[in-house]
PDB file of N, CA and C in Angstrom:
ATOM      1  N   MET A   1       1.152  -1.233  -0.057  1.00  0.00           N
ATOM      2  CA  MET A   1      -0.006   0.475   0.276  1.00  0.00           C
ATOM      3  C   MET A   1       0.991   1.357   0.139  1.00  0.00           C
ATOM      4  N   PRO A   2       0.790   2.512  -0.665  1.00  0.00           N
ATOM      5  CA  PRO A   2       1.296   3.639  -0.831  1.00  0.00           C
ATOM      6  C   PRO A   2       1.072   4.144   0.663  1.00  0.00           C
ATOM      7  N   LYS A   3       1.941   4.843   1.043  1.00  0.00           N
ATOM      8  CA  LYS A   3       1.480   5.847   2.191  1.00  0.00           C
ATOM      9  C   LYS A   3       0.759   6.769   1.933  1.00  0.00           C
ATOM     10  N   MET A   4      -0.194   7.279   3.200  1.00  0.00           N
ATOM     11  CA  MET A   4      -1.042   8.072   3.425  1.00  0.00           C
ATOM     12  C   MET A   4      -0.388   9.502   3.300  1.00  0.00           C
ATOM     13  N   LYS A   5      -0.782  10.595   2.614  1.00  0.00           N
ATOM     14  CA  LYS A   5      -0.256  12.012   2.703  1.00  0.00           C
ATOM     15  C   LYS A   5      -0.688  12.969   4.202  1.00  0.00           C
ATOM     16  N   THR A   6       0.081  13.409   4.671  1.00  0.00           N
ATOM     17  CA  THR A   6      -0.677  14.020   5.471  1.00  0.00           C
ATOM     18  C   THR A   6      -0.641  15.627   5.336  1.00  0.00           C
ATOM     19  N   LYS A   7      -2.019  16.178   5.248  1.00  0.00           N
ATOM     20  CA  LYS A   7      -2.611  17.586   5.146  1.00  0.00           C
ATOM     21  C   LYS A   7      -1.261  18.350   5.409  1.00  0.00           C
ATOM     22  N   SER A   8      -0.797  19.391   4.552  1.00  0.00           N
ATOM     23  CA  SER A   8       0.063  20.689   4.590  1.00  0.00           C
ATOM     24  C   SER A   8      -0.211  21.594   5.972  1.00  0.00           C
ATOM     25  N   SER A   9      -1.624  21.995   5.727  1.00  0.00           N
ATOM     26  CA  SER A   9      -1.946  22.658   6.608  1.00  0.00           C
ATOM     27  C   SER A   9      -2.212  22.459   7.794  1.00  0.00           C
ATOM     28  N   ALA A  10      -2.435  20.849   8.278  1.00  0.00           N
ATOM     29  CA  ALA A  10      -2.455  20.533   9.450  1.00  0.00           C
ATOM     30  C   ALA A  10      -1.067  20.695  10.378  1.00  0.00           C
ATOM     31  N   LYS A  11      -0.368  19.922   9.319  1.00  0.00           N
ATOM     32  CA  LYS A  11       0.974  20.081   9.904  1.00  0.00           C
ATOM     33  C   LYS A  11       1.970  21.750  10.252  1.00  0.00           C
ATOM     34  N   LYS A  12       1.059  22.113   9.350  1.00  0.00           N
ATOM     35  CA  LYS A  12       1.292  23.512   9.920  1.00  0.00           C
ATOM     36  C   LYS A  12       0.972  24.669  11.062  1.00  0.00           C
ATOM     37  N   ARG A  13       0.201  23.734  11.436  1.00  0.00           N
ATOM     38  CA  ARG A  13      -1.192  24.316  12.348  1.00  0.00           C
ATOM     39  C   ARG A  13      -0.797  23.789  13.959  1.00  0.00           C
ATOM     40  N   PHE A  14      -0.578  22.539  13.924  1.00  0.00           N
ATOM     41  CA  PHE A  14      -1.118  21.274  14.473  1.00  0.00           C
ATOM     42  C   PHE A  14       0.334  20.440  14.963  1.00  0.00           C
ATOM     43  N   ARG A  15       0.483  20.653  16.214  1.00  0.00           N
ATOM     44  CA  ARG A  15       2.019  19.556  16.780  1.00  0.00           C
ATOM     45  C   ARG A  15       1.124  18.587  17.905  1.00  0.00           C
ATOM     46  N   MET A  16       1.391  17.611  17.870  1.00  0.00           N
ATOM     47  CA  MET A  16       1.401  16.367  19.187  1.00  0.00           C
ATOM     48  C   MET A  16       1.565  16.578  20.692  1.00  0.00           C
ATOM     49  N   THR A  17       1.732  16.140  21.553  1.00  0.00           N
ATOM     50  CA  THR A  17       1.818  16.051  22.521  1.00  0.00           C
ATOM     51  C   THR A  17       2.547  14.634  22.639  1.00  0.00           C
ATOM     52  N   ALA A  18       3.205  14.410  24.045  1.00  0.00           N
ATOM     53  CA  ALA A  18       4.072  13.089  24.009  1.00  0.00           C
ATOM     54  C   ALA A  18       2.721  11.990  24.403  1.00  0.00           C
ATOM     55  N   ASN A  19       1.572  12.390  24.995  1.00  0.00           N
ATOM     56  CA  ASN A  19       0.854  11.869  25.153  1.00  0.00           C
ATOM     57  C   ASN A  19      -0.807  11.624  24.387  1.00  0.00           C
ATOM     58  N   GLY A  20      -0.084  12.018  23.180  1.00  0.00           N
ATOM     59  CA  GLY A  20      -0.992  12.222  22.181  1.00  0.00           C
ATOM     60  C   GLY A  20      -2.069  13.029  22.009  1.00  0.00           C
ATOM     61  N   HIS A  21      -2.179  13.947  22.461  1.00  0.00           N
ATOM     62  CA  HIS A  21      -2.979  15.208  22.739  1.00  0.00           C
ATOM     63  C   HIS A  21      -2.580  16.030  21.369  1.00  0.00           C
ATOM     64  N   VAL A  22      -3.316  17.343  20.902  1.00  0.00           N
ATOM     65  CA  VAL A  22      -3.290  17.532  19.860  1.00  0.00           C
ATOM     66  C   VAL A  22      -3.295  19.450  20.593  1.00  0.00           C
ATOM     67  N   LYS A  23      -1.880  19.835  20.193  1.00  0.00           N
ATOM     68  CA  LYS A  23      -1.611  21.571  20.712  1.00  0.00           C
ATOM     69  C   LYS A  23      -2.145  22.389  19.690  1.00  0.00           C
ATOM     70  N   ALA A  24      -2.140  23.467  19.901  1.00  0.00           N
ATOM     71  CA  ALA A  24      -3.009  24.143  18.651  1.00  0.00           C
ATOM     72  C   ALA A  24      -2.610  25.646  19.089  1.00  0.00           C
ATOM     73  N   GLN A  25      -2.663  26.772  18.341  1.00  0.00           N
ATOM     74  CA  GLN A  25      -2.713  27.901  18.928  1.00  0.00           C
ATOM     75  C   GLN A  25      -4.332  28.454  18.843  1.00  0.00           C
ATOM     76  N   PRO A  26      -4.281  29.870  19.904  1.00  0.00           N
ATOM     77  CA  PRO A  26      -6.238  29.939  19.570  1.00  0.00           C
ATOM     78  C   PRO A  26      -6.379  30.910  18.678  1.00  0.00           C
ATOM     79  N   ALA A  27      -7.746  30.379  18.391  1.00  0.00           N
ATOM     80  CA  ALA A  27      -8.365  31.376  16.809  1.00  0.00           C
ATOM     81  C   ALA A  27      -8.200  33.060  17.323  1.00  0.00           C
ATOM     82  N   GLY A  28      -8.207  33.999  16.272  1.00  0.00           N
ATOM     83  CA  GLY A  28      -8.315  35.402  16.654  1.00  0.00           C
ATOM     84  C   GLY A  28      -7.349  35.845  17.234  1.00  0.00           C
ATOM     85  N   LYS A  29      -6.176  36.076  16.807  1.00  0.00           N
ATOM     86  CA  LYS A  29      -5.099  36.637  16.977  1.00  0.00           C
ATOM     87  C   LYS A  29      -4.030  36.918  15.675  1.00  0.00           C
ATOM     88  N   ARG A  30      -4.700  37.263  14.849  1.00  0.00           N
ATOM     89  CA  ARG A  30      -3.883  37.286  13.652  1.00  0.00           C
ATOM     90  C   ARG A  30      -4.483  38.969  13.131  1.00  0.00           C
ATOM     91  N   HIS A  31      -4.907  39.400  13.127  1.00  0.00           N
ATOM     92  CA  HIS A  31      -5.202  40.776  13.045  1.00  0.00           C
ATOM     93  C   HIS A  31      -6.633  41.431  13.956  1.00  0.00           C
ATOM     94  N   GLY A  32      -6.979  42.832  13.529  1.00  0.00           N
ATOM     95  CA  GLY A  32      -8.116  43.324  14.276  1.00  0.00           C
ATOM     96  C   GLY A  32      -8.015  43.436  15.807  1.00  0.00           C
ATOM     97  N   MET A  33      -6.844  43.435  16.861  1.00  0.00           N
ATOM     98  CA  MET A  33      -6.164  43.019  17.739  1.00  0.00           C
ATOM     99  C   MET A  33      -6.936  44.804  18.404  1.00  0.00           C
ATOM    100  N   ILE A  34      -7.407  46.092  17.954  1.00  0.00           N
ATOM    101  CA  ILE A  34      -7.462  47.282  18.570  1.00  0.00           C
ATOM    102  C   ILE A  34      -9.132  46.796  18.848  1.00  0.00           C
ATOM    103  N   LYS A  35      -9.979  46.090  18.421  1.00  0.00           N
ATOM    104  CA  LYS A  35     -11.286  45.659  18.924  1.00  0.00           C
ATOM    105  C   LYS A  35     -11.244  44.515  19.706  1.00  0.00           C
ATOM    106  N   ARG A  36     -10.556  43.799  20.297  1.00  0.00           N
ATOM    107  CA  ARG A  36     -10.376  42.812  20.612  1.00  0.00           C
ATOM    108  C   ARG A  36     -10.393  43.949  22.260  1.00  0.00           C
ATOM    109  N   SER A  37     -10.643  42.598  23.567  1.00  0.00           N
ATOM    110  CA  SER A  37     -10.533  43.413  24.603  1.00  0.00           C
ATOM    111  C   SER A  37      -9.141  42.366  25.431  1.00  0.00           C
ATOM    112  N   ASN A  38      -8.846  43.502  26.160  1.00  0.00           N
ATOM    113  CA  ASN A  38      -7.125  43.081  26.464  1.00  0.00           C
ATOM    114  C   ASN A  38      -7.331  41.802  27.403  1.00  0.00           C
ATOM    115  N   ASP A  39      -8.389  41.234  27.822  1.00  0.00           N
ATOM    116  CA  ASP A  39      -8.907  39.962  28.438  1.00  0.00           C
ATOM    117  C   ASP A  39      -8.699  38.591  27.216  1.00  0.00           C
ATOM    118  N   PHE A  40      -9.168  39.215  26.429  1.00  0.00           N
ATOM    119  CA  PHE A  40      -9.346  37.480  25.389  1.00  0.00           C
ATOM    120  C   PHE A  40      -8.270  37.676  24.357  1.00  0.00           C
ATOM    121  N   ILE A  41      -6.678  39.105  24.531  1.00  0.00           N
ATOM    122  CA  ILE A  41      -5.723  39.383  24.010  1.00  0.00           C
ATOM    123  C   ILE A  41      -4.962  38.331  25.166  1.00  0.00           C
ATOM    124  N   ARG A  42      -5.082  38.477  26.201  1.00  0.00           N
ATOM    125  CA  ARG A  42      -4.311  38.005  26.998  1.00  0.00           C
ATOM    126  C   ARG A  42      -4.502  36.153  27.220  1.00  0.00           C
ATOM    127  N   ASP A  43      -5.749  35.874  26.950  1.00  0.00           N
ATOM    128  CA  ASP A  43      -6.174  34.355  27.184  1.00  0.00           C
ATOM    129  C   ASP A  43      -5.718  33.698  26.189  1.00  0.00           C
ATOM    130  N   ALA A  44      -5.701  34.460  24.817  1.00  0.00           N
ATOM    131  CA  ALA A  44      -5.447  33.564  23.983  1.00  0.00           C
ATOM    132  C   ALA A  44      -3.557  33.893  23.189  1.00  0.00           C
ATOM    133  N   ARG A  45      -2.517  33.710  24.721  1.00  0.00           N
ATOM    134  CA  ARG A  45      -1.222  33.473  24.347  1.00  0.00           C
ATOM    135  C   ARG A  45      -1.089  31.953  24.311  1.00  0.00           C
ATOM    136  N   GLY A  46      -0.110  31.899  23.868  1.00  0.00           N
ATOM    137  CA  GLY A  46       0.582  30.543  24.178  1.00  0.00           C
ATOM    138  C   GLY A  46      -0.433  29.380  22.800  1.00  0.00           C
ATOM    139  N   THR A  47      -0.515  28.205  24.290  1.00  0.00           N
ATOM    140  CA  THR A  47      -1.454  27.037  23.299  1.00  0.00           C
ATOM    141  C   THR A  47      -2.347  26.480  23.838  1.00  0.00           C
ATOM    142  N   MET A  48      -2.976  25.534  23.262  1.00  0.00           N
ATOM    143  CA  MET A  48      -3.641  24.967  24.201  1.00  0.00           C
ATOM    144  C   MET A  48      -4.130  23.518  23.658  1.00  0.00           C
ATOM    145  N   ILE A  49      -4.642  22.767  24.307  1.00  0.00           N
ATOM    146  CA  ILE A  49      -5.169  21.449  23.951  1.00  0.00           C
ATOM    147  C   ILE A  49      -6.562  21.642  23.559  1.00  0.00           C
ATOM    148  N   LEU A  50      -6.470  21.031  22.107  1.00  0.00           N
ATOM    149  CA  LEU A  50      -7.998  20.896  21.493  1.00  0.00           C
ATOM    150  C   LEU A  50      -8.871  19.970  22.381  1.00  0.00           C
ATOM    151  N   SER A  51     -10.260  19.808  22.298  1.00  0.00           N
ATOM    152  CA  SER A  51     -11.063  19.515  22.906  1.00  0.00           C
ATOM    153  C   SER A  51     -11.021  17.578  22.052  1.00  0.00           C
ATOM    154  N   LYS A  52     -11.373  16.708  22.781  1.00  0.00           N
ATOM    155  CA  LYS A  52     -11.808  15.442  22.084  1.00  0.00           C
ATOM    156  C   LYS A  52     -12.059  15.415  20.279  1.00  0.00           C
ATOM    157  N   PRO A  53     -13.165  15.873  20.152  1.00  0.00           N
ATOM    158  CA  PRO A  53     -13.769  16.244  19.043  1.00  0.00           C
ATOM    159  C   PRO A  53     -13.152  16.555  17.950  1.00  0.00           C
ATOM    160  N   ASP A  54     -12.224  17.612  18.463  1.00  0.00           N
ATOM    161  CA  ASP A  54     -11.718  18.470  17.313  1.00  0.00           C
ATOM    162  C   ASP A  54     -10.039  17.559  17.082  1.00  0.00           C
ATOM    163  N   GLU A  55     -10.178  17.026  18.130  1.00  0.00           N
ATOM    164  CA  GLU A  55      -8.617  16.243  17.868  1.00  0.00           C
ATOM    165  C   GLU A  55      -8.906  14.934  17.272  1.00  0.00           C
ATOM    166  N   ARG A  56     -10.040  14.395  17.324  1.00  0.00           N
ATOM    167  CA  ARG A  56     -10.385  13.393  16.259  1.00  0.00           C
ATOM    168  C   ARG A  56     -10.368  13.658  14.716  1.00  0.00           C
ATOM    169  N   ILE A  57     -10.527  14.698  14.861  1.00  0.00           N
ATOM    170  CA  ILE A  57     -10.609  15.316  13.085  1.00  0.00           C
ATOM    171  C   ILE A  57      -8.968  15.365  12.516  1.00  0.00           C
ATOM    172  N   VAL A  58      -8.308  16.541  13.285  1.00  0.00           N
ATOM    173  CA  VAL A  58      -6.657  16.632  13.238  1.00  0.00           C
ATOM    174  C   VAL A  58      -5.971  15.526  13.291  1.00  0.00           C
ATOM    175  N   LYS A  59      -6.339  14.500  14.284  1.00  0.00           N
ATOM    176  CA  LYS A  59      -5.904  13.238  13.350  1.00  0.00           C
ATOM    177  C   LYS A  59      -6.342  12.451  12.761  1.00  0.00           C
ATOM    178  N   THR A  60      -7.264  12.890  11.754  1.00  0.00           N
ATOM    179  CA  THR A  60      -7.746  12.215  10.253  1.00  0.00           C
ATOM    180  C   THR A  60      -5.921  12.599   9.553  1.00  0.00           C
ATOM    181  N   TYR A  61      -6.127  13.661   9.782  1.00  0.00           N
ATOM    182  CA  TYR A  61      -5.505  14.794   8.679  1.00  0.00           C
ATOM    183  C   TYR A  61      -4.068  14.768   8.926  1.00  0.00           C
ATOM    184  N   MET A  62      -3.662  13.936  10.052  1.00  0.00           N
ATOM    185  CA  MET A  62      -1.925  13.950  10.238  1.00  0.00           C
ATOM    186  C   MET A  62      -2.023  11.883  11.001  1.00  0.00           C
ATOM    187  N   PRO A  63      -2.330  11.101   9.892  1.00  0.00           N
ATOM    188  CA  PRO A  63      -2.221  10.294   9.915  1.00  0.00           C
ATOM    189  C   PRO A  63      -0.918   9.392  11.026  1.00  0.00           C
ATOM    190  N   TYR A  64       0.325   9.353  10.565  1.00  0.00           N
ATOM    191  CA  TYR A  64       1.546   9.042  11.284  1.00  0.00           C
ATOM    192  C   TYR A  64       1.897   9.801  12.153  1.00  0.00           C
ATOM    193  N   ASP A  65       1.443  10.839  12.804  1.00  0.00           N
ATOM    194  CA  ASP A  65       1.669  11.320  14.303  1.00  0.00           C
ATOM    195  C   ASP A  65       0.770  11.444  15.498  1.00  0.00           C
ATOM    196  N   ARG A  66       0.733   9.862  15.620  1.00  0.00           N
ATOM    197  CA  ARG A  66      -0.067   9.556  16.993  1.00  0.00           C
ATOM    198  C   ARG A  66       0.454   9.204  18.001  1.00  0.00           C
TER     199      ARG A  66
END
């Protein structure tokens, strides 16, 4: 069987933790910061662990990073 391809967009946006969870950046930090509250900007710092349903979707895009 040929190898399955990893989605290029997924490998740029997500990383796997050692326990198999998916890390991602919070949404909403690309532009338009002037209209966002300071609390939102502070909470959207760093990375977050995706929820289980979102994690299942991302893992189908990255077949070899489990």
